[in-house]
Amino acid sequence: MSAGMHDGVSKLWVMNRDGGLDLSGFQDEVEAIDHLVRVALLKKIPKERIQEAVAKALKHLDPRPRECNRHKDCDVADAQAKEKGHAGADHCHDECCEECFGN
């Protein structure tokens, strides 16, 4: 019998349909990360290796504004839309959007 997705592997490692981690049983991503670090320590993965991985991951914390096809700064666009009485701006993340890029 070959090992598969249901062989006792932590659900945390299984990707959900939206492409993110399955966080079943965890309050949020931070709690899940804490769990992963604790499991890595229990498996005797060197602390230095874990610290390297965390430092590398933290480089993704970038102050660049959130953007989409329609806005260079989506948060500013949302704030401007709310000032006009709307719930927020319309955003587009479709890589093949004919409305944003033409045909």
Protein backbone atom coordinates (compact mmCIF):
# COMPACT_ATOMS: atom_id res chain seq x y z
CA MET A 1 0.00 0.00 0.00
CA SER A 2 1.46 3.33 -1.00
CA ALA A 3 1.48 6.39 1.22
CA GLY A 4 -1.10 8.97 0.32
CA MET A 5 -2.89 12.07 1.51
CA HIS A 6 -4.74 10.11 4.22
CA ASP A 7 -1.84 8.22 5.83
CA GLY A 8 -1.72 10.28 9.01
CA VAL A 9 0.13 13.23 7.51
CA SER A 10 -0.77 16.45 9.31
CA LYS A 11 -3.62 18.30 7.62
CA LEU A 12 -1.46 21.40 7.80
CA TRP A 13 0.64 20.13 4.91
CA VAL A 14 -2.34 19.59 2.63
CA MET A 15 -3.17 22.47 0.33
CA ASN A 16 -6.80 23.56 0.26
CA ARG A 17 -8.65 24.31 -2.95
CA ASP A 18 -7.83 28.04 -2.74
CA GLY A 19 -4.12 27.27 -2.80
CA GLY A 20 -3.49 28.07 0.88
CA LEU A 21 -2.71 25.77 3.76
CA ASP A 22 -5.55 23.82 5.36
CA LEU A 23 -5.79 25.46 8.77
CA SER A 24 -8.28 23.01 10.28
CA GLY A 25 -7.71 22.95 14.02
CA PHE A 26 -5.74 26.20 14.09
CA GLN A 27 -7.01 29.67 14.95
CA ASP A 28 -5.01 31.30 12.13
CA GLU A 29 -1.84 31.06 10.06
CA VAL A 30 0.37 32.31 12.89
CA GLU A 31 -0.84 29.53 15.21
CA ALA A 32 -0.19 27.02 12.42
CA ILE A 33 3.35 28.35 11.94
CA ASP A 34 3.98 28.08 15.68
CA HIS A 35 2.83 24.46 15.51
CA LEU A 36 5.14 23.72 12.58
CA VAL A 37 8.14 25.18 14.43
CA ARG A 38 7.33 23.09 17.51
CA VAL A 39 7.00 19.93 15.41
CA ALA A 40 10.30 20.73 13.67
CA LEU A 41 12.01 21.10 17.05
CA LEU A 42 10.54 17.78 18.25
CA LYS A 43 11.90 16.13 15.11
CA LYS A 44 15.31 17.48 16.13
CA ILE A 45 15.69 19.74 13.11
CA PRO A 46 18.56 22.06 14.05
CA LYS A 47 17.39 25.35 15.53
CA GLU A 48 19.69 27.23 13.16
CA ARG A 49 17.96 25.67 10.14
CA ILE A 50 14.54 26.67 11.49
CA GLN A 51 15.80 30.21 12.16
CA GLU A 52 17.13 30.40 8.58
CA ALA A 53 13.76 29.31 7.20
CA VAL A 54 11.88 31.82 9.35
CA ALA A 55 14.29 34.64 8.42
CA LYS A 56 13.85 33.79 4.73
CA ALA A 57 10.06 33.74 5.10
CA LEU A 58 10.07 37.08 6.91
CA LYS A 59 11.67 38.68 3.86
CA HIS A 60 8.21 38.39 2.29
CA LEU A 61 6.98 41.05 4.72
CA ASP A 62 7.38 43.83 2.23
CA PRO A 63 5.97 47.32 2.69
CA ARG A 64 5.01 47.50 -1.01
CA PRO A 65 1.36 48.43 -1.52
CA ARG A 66 -1.17 45.77 -2.40
CA GLU A 67 -1.95 46.10 -6.13
CA CYS A 68 -4.16 44.63 -8.82
CA ASN A 69 -4.75 45.12 -12.54
CA ARG A 70 -6.72 48.30 -11.86
CA HIS A 71 -4.77 49.93 -9.00
CA LYS A 72 -1.16 50.51 -8.03
CA ASP A 73 -2.30 50.80 -4.37
CA CYS A 74 -5.51 48.91 -3.63
CA ASP A 75 -5.75 50.18 -0.04
CA VAL A 76 -5.77 53.80 -1.26
CA ALA A 77 -8.36 52.89 -3.91
CA ASP A 78 -10.55 51.27 -1.24
CA ALA A 79 -10.25 54.32 1.03
CA GLN A 80 -11.19 56.67 -1.83
CA ALA A 81 -14.19 54.49 -2.74
CA LYS A 82 -15.36 54.46 0.90
CA GLU A 83 -15.11 58.27 1.03
CA LYS A 84 -17.57 58.30 -1.89
CA GLY A 85 -19.97 56.03 0.01
CA HIS A 86 -19.06 52.70 -1.64
CA ALA A 87 -18.13 49.51 0.21
CA GLY A 88 -14.77 49.53 -1.57
CA ALA A 89 -13.14 49.71 -4.99
CA ASP A 90 -13.53 47.06 -7.68
CA HIS A 91 -10.34 45.03 -7.95
CA CYS A 92 -9.23 42.60 -10.65
CA HIS A 93 -6.62 39.87 -10.25
CA ASP A 94 -7.45 37.94 -13.42
CA GLU A 95 -4.25 37.51 -15.45
CA CYS A 96 -6.28 37.20 -18.68
CA CYS A 97 -8.85 39.93 -18.01
CA GLU A 98 -10.00 41.33 -21.36
CA GLU A 99 -11.53 44.36 -19.63
CA CYS A 100 -8.19 45.30 -18.04
CA PHE A 101 -5.81 44.29 -20.83
CA GLY A 102 -7.94 44.30 -23.99
CA ASN A 103 -7.95 41.52 -26.50
